[in-house]
Amino acid sequence: MSAEFWDAPFFHPQPQQDSQLLQTLGFLPGLKELLLLRQVHALEHATVWVLSEIAHQRRDNQALGGLSTERGFYLYGQVNPNHLRRAVPLALQRLQQGEWQLAIHPRCGTNLSSAIALTAGSSSALTGCCPASP
């Protein structure tokens, strides 16, 4: 798929999309918590990107990791506390201004776990529905 496909407005997050989802599907148990965790996770990723920019690193800091919870996020690794104090509000502001690409990080463990689960599920489904011999 070309980059133009992913740049279509349909794929861009909208400022009120979580509120709209809650209005429409609020009866689903755990949806509010899941959406909150998703937002915190996006802020975690954006903060890591902004920290790299503040530290003037040309590449990603691979020694830095994170964990998101519904109450906030933790960063593991060497982080300058002053840089962190500047990075979090700046990351939030940039996300709110539409820089949604900051919410995606190539080293995200959630992405890797999802890919593994989808691969395993697809393999299991194919194994179960295909005949054992030709």
N, C-alpha and C. Protein backbone atom coordinates (compact mmCIF):
# COMPACT_ATOMS: atom_id res chain seq x y z
N MET A 1 0.84 -1.18 0.00
CA MET A 1 0.00 0.00 0.00
C MET A 1 0.88 1.24 0.00
N SER A 2 0.45 2.22 -0.71
CA SER A 2 1.23 3.45 -0.80
C SER A 2 1.00 4.33 0.42
N ALA A 3 1.93 5.25 0.61
CA ALA A 3 1.82 6.19 1.72
C ALA A 3 0.57 7.06 1.57
N GLU A 4 0.17 7.31 0.34
CA GLU A 4 -1.02 8.14 0.10
C GLU A 4 -2.28 7.50 0.68
N PHE A 5 -2.35 6.18 0.66
CA PHE A 5 -3.49 5.47 1.21
C PHE A 5 -3.63 5.76 2.71
N TRP A 6 -2.50 5.68 3.43
CA TRP A 6 -2.52 5.89 4.88
C TRP A 6 -2.70 7.35 5.26
N ASP A 7 -2.46 8.26 4.31
CA ASP A 7 -2.64 9.68 4.58
C ASP A 7 -4.08 10.14 4.40
N ALA A 8 -4.95 9.24 3.99
CA ALA A 8 -6.36 9.59 3.82
C ALA A 8 -6.94 10.02 5.17
N PRO A 9 -7.83 11.00 5.20
CA PRO A 9 -8.40 11.51 6.46
C PRO A 9 -9.05 10.43 7.32
N PHE A 10 -9.55 9.36 6.70
CA PHE A 10 -10.20 8.30 7.46
C PHE A 10 -9.26 7.71 8.52
N PHE A 11 -7.97 7.63 8.24
CA PHE A 11 -7.01 7.00 9.14
C PHE A 11 -6.43 7.95 10.18
N HIS A 12 -6.71 9.23 10.07
CA HIS A 12 -6.18 10.19 11.03
C HIS A 12 -7.06 10.23 12.27
N PRO A 13 -6.45 10.19 13.44
CA PRO A 13 -7.25 10.30 14.66
C PRO A 13 -7.97 11.65 14.72
N GLN A 14 -9.14 11.63 15.29
CA GLN A 14 -9.93 12.85 15.45
C GLN A 14 -9.95 13.23 16.93
N PRO A 15 -9.95 14.51 17.25
CA PRO A 15 -9.87 14.93 18.65
C PRO A 15 -10.98 14.36 19.55
N GLN A 16 -12.16 14.13 19.01
CA GLN A 16 -13.28 13.67 19.82
C GLN A 16 -13.61 12.19 19.62
N GLN A 17 -12.73 11.44 18.97
CA GLN A 17 -13.10 10.06 18.63
C GLN A 17 -13.32 9.18 19.86
N ASP A 18 -12.53 9.35 20.92
CA ASP A 18 -12.74 8.53 22.11
C ASP A 18 -14.05 8.89 22.80
N SER A 19 -14.36 10.18 22.85
CA SER A 19 -15.64 10.60 23.45
C SER A 19 -16.81 10.03 22.66
N GLN A 20 -16.70 10.05 21.34
CA GLN A 20 -17.76 9.52 20.50
C GLN A 20 -17.90 8.00 20.68
N LEU A 21 -16.77 7.32 20.79
CA LEU A 21 -16.83 5.87 21.03
C LEU A 21 -17.52 5.56 22.36
N LEU A 22 -17.19 6.35 23.39
CA LEU A 22 -17.82 6.13 24.70
C LEU A 22 -19.32 6.40 24.65
N GLN A 23 -19.73 7.42 23.90
CA GLN A 23 -21.16 7.70 23.77
C GLN A 23 -21.88 6.57 23.05
N THR A 24 -21.23 6.03 22.04
CA THR A 24 -21.85 4.99 21.23
C THR A 24 -21.77 3.61 21.88
N LEU A 25 -20.61 3.28 22.41
CA LEU A 25 -20.37 1.92 22.92
C LEU A 25 -20.05 1.89 24.41
N GLY A 26 -20.49 2.90 25.14
CA GLY A 26 -20.18 3.01 26.56
C GLY A 26 -20.68 1.86 27.41
N PHE A 27 -21.61 1.07 26.87
CA PHE A 27 -22.14 -0.07 27.61
C PHE A 27 -21.14 -1.23 27.68
N LEU A 28 -20.11 -1.20 26.85
CA LEU A 28 -19.12 -2.28 26.87
C LEU A 28 -18.24 -2.17 28.12
N PRO A 29 -18.17 -3.23 28.91
CA PRO A 29 -17.35 -3.16 30.12
C PRO A 29 -15.87 -2.99 29.78
N GLY A 30 -15.21 -2.07 30.48
CA GLY A 30 -13.78 -1.87 30.31
C GLY A 30 -13.39 -0.94 29.17
N LEU A 31 -14.36 -0.45 28.39
CA LEU A 31 -14.02 0.38 27.24
C LEU A 31 -13.38 1.69 27.69
N LYS A 32 -13.93 2.31 28.71
CA LYS A 32 -13.38 3.59 29.19
C LYS A 32 -11.93 3.41 29.63
N GLU A 33 -11.66 2.34 30.36
CA GLU A 33 -10.32 2.07 30.85
C GLU A 33 -9.36 1.78 29.69
N LEU A 34 -9.84 1.05 28.69
CA LEU A 34 -9.02 0.72 27.53
C LEU A 34 -8.65 1.98 26.75
N LEU A 35 -9.61 2.88 26.56
CA LEU A 35 -9.35 4.12 25.85
C LEU A 35 -8.38 5.01 26.63
N LEU A 36 -8.52 5.03 27.94
CA LEU A 36 -7.61 5.81 28.78
C LEU A 36 -6.19 5.25 28.67
N LEU A 37 -6.05 3.95 28.74
CA LEU A 37 -4.75 3.31 28.62
C LEU A 37 -4.13 3.60 27.25
N ARG A 38 -4.94 3.60 26.22
CA ARG A 38 -4.47 3.90 24.86
C ARG A 38 -3.92 5.33 24.78
N GLN A 39 -4.61 6.26 25.44
CA GLN A 39 -4.15 7.65 25.43
C GLN A 39 -2.84 7.81 26.21
N VAL A 40 -2.74 7.14 27.35
CA VAL A 40 -1.51 7.20 28.14
C VAL A 40 -0.36 6.58 27.35
N HIS A 41 -0.63 5.48 26.67
CA HIS A 41 0.38 4.81 25.86
C HIS A 41 0.87 5.73 24.75
N ALA A 42 -0.04 6.46 24.13
CA ALA A 42 0.34 7.43 23.09
C ALA A 42 1.23 8.52 23.68
N LEU A 43 0.90 8.98 24.87
CA LEU A 43 1.71 10.01 25.53
C LEU A 43 3.09 9.47 25.88
N GLU A 44 3.15 8.21 26.30
CA GLU A 44 4.45 7.58 26.59
C GLU A 44 5.33 7.60 25.34
N HIS A 45 4.77 7.15 24.21
CA HIS A 45 5.54 7.12 22.96
C HIS A 45 5.97 8.52 22.55
N ALA A 46 5.06 9.47 22.60
CA ALA A 46 5.37 10.85 22.21
C ALA A 46 6.47 11.42 23.11
N THR A 47 6.42 11.09 24.39
CA THR A 47 7.45 11.58 25.32
C THR A 47 8.82 11.02 24.95
N VAL A 48 8.87 9.74 24.59
CA VAL A 48 10.15 9.14 24.18
C VAL A 48 10.70 9.85 22.94
N TRP A 49 9.83 10.14 21.97
CA TRP A 49 10.27 10.85 20.77
C TRP A 49 10.79 12.24 21.13
N VAL A 50 10.05 12.96 21.97
CA VAL A 50 10.44 14.33 22.34
C VAL A 50 11.74 14.30 23.15
N LEU A 51 11.90 13.32 24.02
CA LEU A 51 13.16 13.19 24.77
C LEU A 51 14.35 13.04 23.82
N SER A 52 14.17 12.26 22.78
CA SER A 52 15.23 12.08 21.79
C SER A 52 15.56 13.41 21.11
N GLU A 53 14.52 14.19 20.82
CA GLU A 53 14.73 15.49 20.19
C GLU A 53 15.44 16.45 21.14
N ILE A 54 15.01 16.48 22.40
CA ILE A 54 15.61 17.38 23.39
C ILE A 54 17.08 17.04 23.59
N ALA A 55 17.39 15.76 23.61
CA ALA A 55 18.77 15.32 23.81
C ALA A 55 19.59 15.41 22.52
N HIS A 56 18.97 15.89 21.44
CA HIS A 56 19.62 16.05 20.14
C HIS A 56 20.20 14.74 19.62
N GLN A 57 19.45 13.67 19.84
CA GLN A 57 19.88 12.37 19.33
C GLN A 57 19.33 12.19 17.93
N ARG A 58 20.16 11.74 17.04
CA ARG A 58 19.73 11.53 15.67
C ARG A 58 18.99 10.21 15.52
N ARG A 59 19.15 9.34 16.50
CA ARG A 59 18.47 8.05 16.43
C ARG A 59 17.78 7.78 17.76
N ASP A 60 16.95 6.78 17.76
CA ASP A 60 16.18 6.39 18.92
C ASP A 60 17.09 5.91 20.05
N ASN A 61 16.75 6.25 21.27
CA ASN A 61 17.50 5.77 22.44
C ASN A 61 17.01 4.36 22.76
N GLN A 62 17.77 3.37 22.34
CA GLN A 62 17.34 1.98 22.51
C GLN A 62 17.49 1.49 23.95
N ALA A 63 18.15 2.25 24.80
CA ALA A 63 18.29 1.87 26.20
C ALA A 63 17.11 2.35 27.04
N LEU A 64 16.16 3.02 26.39
CA LEU A 64 15.00 3.57 27.09
C LEU A 64 13.78 2.72 26.79
N GLY A 65 13.07 2.34 27.84
CA GLY A 65 11.85 1.56 27.69
C GLY A 65 10.75 2.18 28.51
N GLY A 66 9.53 1.71 28.31
CA GLY A 66 8.42 2.28 29.04
C GLY A 66 7.33 1.28 29.32
N LEU A 67 6.46 1.64 30.23
CA LEU A 67 5.30 0.83 30.60
C LEU A 67 4.15 1.78 30.92
N SER A 68 3.03 1.59 30.25
CA SER A 68 1.86 2.44 30.47
C SER A 68 0.86 1.73 31.36
N THR A 69 0.23 2.49 32.24
CA THR A 69 -0.87 2.00 33.06
C THR A 69 -2.00 3.02 32.96
N GLU A 70 -3.14 2.70 33.53
CA GLU A 70 -4.25 3.65 33.48
C GLU A 70 -4.00 4.88 34.36
N ARG A 71 -2.96 4.83 35.17
CA ARG A 71 -2.64 5.95 36.06
C ARG A 71 -1.44 6.77 35.59
N GLY A 72 -0.83 6.39 34.47
CA GLY A 72 0.33 7.11 33.96
C GLY A 72 1.29 6.14 33.30
N PHE A 73 2.53 6.56 33.15
CA PHE A 73 3.50 5.66 32.55
C PHE A 73 4.83 5.77 33.26
N TYR A 74 5.61 4.72 33.13
CA TYR A 74 6.96 4.64 33.69
C TYR A 74 7.95 4.58 32.54
N LEU A 75 9.07 5.25 32.71
CA LEU A 75 10.17 5.12 31.76
C LEU A 75 11.33 4.47 32.48
N TYR A 76 11.96 3.52 31.81
CA TYR A 76 13.10 2.81 32.37
C TYR A 76 14.34 3.11 31.53
N GLY A 77 15.40 3.50 32.19
CA GLY A 77 16.64 3.84 31.51
C GLY A 77 17.15 5.16 32.06
N GLN A 78 18.24 5.62 31.49
CA GLN A 78 18.81 6.89 31.94
C GLN A 78 18.07 8.05 31.29
N VAL A 79 17.39 8.82 32.12
CA VAL A 79 16.63 9.98 31.64
C VAL A 79 17.01 11.17 32.52
N ASN A 80 17.34 12.26 31.87
CA ASN A 80 17.60 13.50 32.58
C ASN A 80 16.25 14.03 33.11
N PRO A 81 16.10 14.17 34.43
CA PRO A 81 14.80 14.62 34.98
C PRO A 81 14.33 15.96 34.43
N ASN A 82 15.27 16.87 34.17
CA ASN A 82 14.88 18.17 33.60
C ASN A 82 14.34 18.02 32.19
N HIS A 83 14.97 17.15 31.42
CA HIS A 83 14.47 16.87 30.07
C HIS A 83 13.08 16.25 30.14
N LEU A 84 12.88 15.35 31.09
CA LEU A 84 11.58 14.68 31.23
C LEU A 84 10.49 15.68 31.59
N ARG A 85 10.80 16.61 32.51
CA ARG A 85 9.81 17.62 32.90
C ARG A 85 9.40 18.50 31.72
N ARG A 86 10.31 18.72 30.80
CA ARG A 86 9.99 19.50 29.60
C ARG A 86 9.29 18.66 28.55
N ALA A 87 9.68 17.39 28.46
CA ALA A 87 9.20 16.53 27.37
C ALA A 87 7.73 16.16 27.50
N VAL A 88 7.26 15.86 28.70
CA VAL A 88 5.88 15.37 28.85
C VAL A 88 4.85 16.41 28.41
N PRO A 89 4.90 17.65 28.94
CA PRO A 89 3.89 18.62 28.47
C PRO A 89 4.03 18.96 26.99
N LEU A 90 5.27 18.97 26.50
CA LEU A 90 5.48 19.25 25.08
C LEU A 90 4.92 18.13 24.22
N ALA A 91 5.12 16.89 24.64
CA ALA A 91 4.58 15.74 23.91
C ALA A 91 3.05 15.80 23.89
N LEU A 92 2.44 16.10 25.03
CA LEU A 92 0.98 16.20 25.11
C LEU A 92 0.47 17.31 24.18
N GLN A 93 1.12 18.45 24.22
CA GLN A 93 0.71 19.58 23.37
C GLN A 93 0.82 19.20 21.89
N ARG A 94 1.89 18.55 21.52
CA ARG A 94 2.07 18.18 20.11
C ARG A 94 1.05 17.13 19.67
N LEU A 95 0.73 16.19 20.54
CA LEU A 95 -0.33 15.22 20.21
C LEU A 95 -1.67 15.93 20.02
N GLN A 96 -1.98 16.85 20.92
CA GLN A 96 -3.24 17.57 20.84
C GLN A 96 -3.30 18.48 19.62
N GLN A 97 -2.16 18.89 19.11
CA GLN A 97 -2.12 19.74 17.92
C GLN A 97 -2.12 18.92 16.63
N GLY A 98 -2.23 17.59 16.76
CA GLY A 98 -2.39 16.78 15.56
C GLY A 98 -1.17 16.00 15.10
N GLU A 99 -0.08 16.03 15.85
CA GLU A 99 1.10 15.25 15.46
C GLU A 99 0.92 13.81 15.94
N TRP A 100 -0.10 13.14 15.40
CA TRP A 100 -0.47 11.80 15.87
C TRP A 100 0.59 10.77 15.58
N GLN A 101 1.50 11.02 14.65
CA GLN A 101 2.56 10.06 14.35
C GLN A 101 3.49 9.87 15.55
N LEU A 102 3.51 10.82 16.48
CA LEU A 102 4.32 10.66 17.70
C LEU A 102 3.80 9.53 18.58
N ALA A 103 2.55 9.13 18.39
CA ALA A 103 1.96 8.07 19.21
C ALA A 103 2.42 6.68 18.80
N ILE A 104 3.14 6.60 17.69
CA ILE A 104 3.58 5.30 17.18
C ILE A 104 5.09 5.20 17.35
N HIS A 105 5.54 4.07 17.87
CA HIS A 105 6.98 3.87 18.06
C HIS A 105 7.37 2.51 17.51
N PRO A 106 8.43 2.44 16.73
CA PRO A 106 8.79 1.17 16.08
C PRO A 106 9.24 0.07 17.05
N ARG A 107 9.69 0.45 18.23
CA ARG A 107 10.14 -0.58 19.19
C ARG A 107 9.07 -0.92 20.23
N CYS A 108 7.85 -0.58 19.96
CA CYS A 108 6.78 -0.83 20.93
C CYS A 108 6.54 -2.32 21.11
N GLY A 109 6.59 -2.77 22.34
CA GLY A 109 6.33 -4.18 22.63
C GLY A 109 4.90 -4.58 22.35
N THR A 110 3.96 -3.65 22.46
CA THR A 110 2.56 -3.95 22.17
C THR A 110 2.40 -4.30 20.70
N ASN A 111 3.07 -3.55 19.83
CA ASN A 111 3.01 -3.85 18.40
C ASN A 111 3.55 -5.25 18.12
N LEU A 112 4.68 -5.57 18.72
CA LEU A 112 5.29 -6.88 18.52
C LEU A 112 4.37 -7.99 19.04
N SER A 113 3.83 -7.81 20.22
CA SER A 113 2.92 -8.81 20.80
C SER A 113 1.69 -9.02 19.93
N SER A 114 1.14 -7.93 19.43
CA SER A 114 -0.04 -8.02 18.56
C SER A 114 0.28 -8.78 17.28
N ALA A 115 1.44 -8.48 16.69
CA ALA A 115 1.84 -9.17 15.46
C ALA A 115 2.01 -10.66 15.70
N ILE A 116 2.63 -11.01 16.82
CA ILE A 116 2.82 -12.43 17.16
C ILE A 116 1.47 -13.11 17.37
N ALA A 117 0.57 -12.46 18.10
CA ALA A 117 -0.75 -13.05 18.37
C ALA A 117 -1.54 -13.23 17.07
N LEU A 118 -1.49 -12.24 16.18
CA LEU A 118 -2.20 -12.37 14.91
C LEU A 118 -1.61 -13.49 14.05
N THR A 119 -0.30 -13.60 14.04
CA THR A 119 0.35 -14.67 13.28
C THR A 119 -0.02 -16.04 13.83
N ALA A 120 0.05 -16.17 15.16
CA ALA A 120 -0.30 -17.45 15.78
C ALA A 120 -1.76 -17.79 15.56
N GLY A 121 -2.64 -16.81 15.69
CA GLY A 121 -4.06 -17.04 15.46
C GLY A 121 -4.36 -17.44 14.03
N SER A 122 -3.73 -16.76 13.09
CA SER A 122 -3.93 -17.10 11.67
C SER A 122 -3.42 -18.50 11.36
N SER A 123 -2.26 -18.84 11.91
CA SER A 123 -1.71 -20.18 11.69
C SER A 123 -2.62 -21.25 12.26
N SER A 124 -3.13 -21.01 13.45
CA SER A 124 -4.04 -21.97 14.09
C SER A 124 -5.32 -22.12 13.27
N ALA A 125 -5.86 -21.01 12.80
CA ALA A 125 -7.08 -21.06 12.01
C ALA A 125 -6.87 -21.82 10.71
N LEU A 126 -5.75 -21.56 10.05
CA LEU A 126 -5.46 -22.27 8.80
C LEU A 126 -5.23 -23.76 9.04
N THR A 127 -4.56 -24.08 10.12
CA THR A 127 -4.31 -25.48 10.45
C THR A 127 -5.62 -26.19 10.73
N GLY A 128 -6.53 -25.52 11.40
CA GLY A 128 -7.80 -26.13 11.77
C GLY A 128 -8.76 -26.29 10.59
N CYS A 129 -8.67 -25.43 9.60
CA CYS A 129 -9.64 -25.51 8.51
C CYS A 129 -9.11 -26.16 7.23
N CYS A 130 -7.82 -26.39 7.18
CA CYS A 130 -7.26 -27.04 5.99
C CYS A 130 -7.11 -28.54 6.23
N PRO A 131 -7.29 -29.33 5.18
CA PRO A 131 -7.16 -30.78 5.35
C PRO A 131 -5.71 -31.16 5.66
N ALA A 132 -5.56 -32.26 6.41
CA ALA A 132 -4.23 -32.72 6.83
C ALA A 132 -3.42 -33.26 5.66
N SER A 133 -4.08 -33.81 4.67
CA SER A 133 -3.36 -34.33 3.51
C SER A 133 -4.04 -33.86 2.23
N PRO A 134 -3.29 -33.83 1.12
CA PRO A 134 -3.86 -33.33 -0.13
C PRO A 134 -4.96 -34.19 -0.71
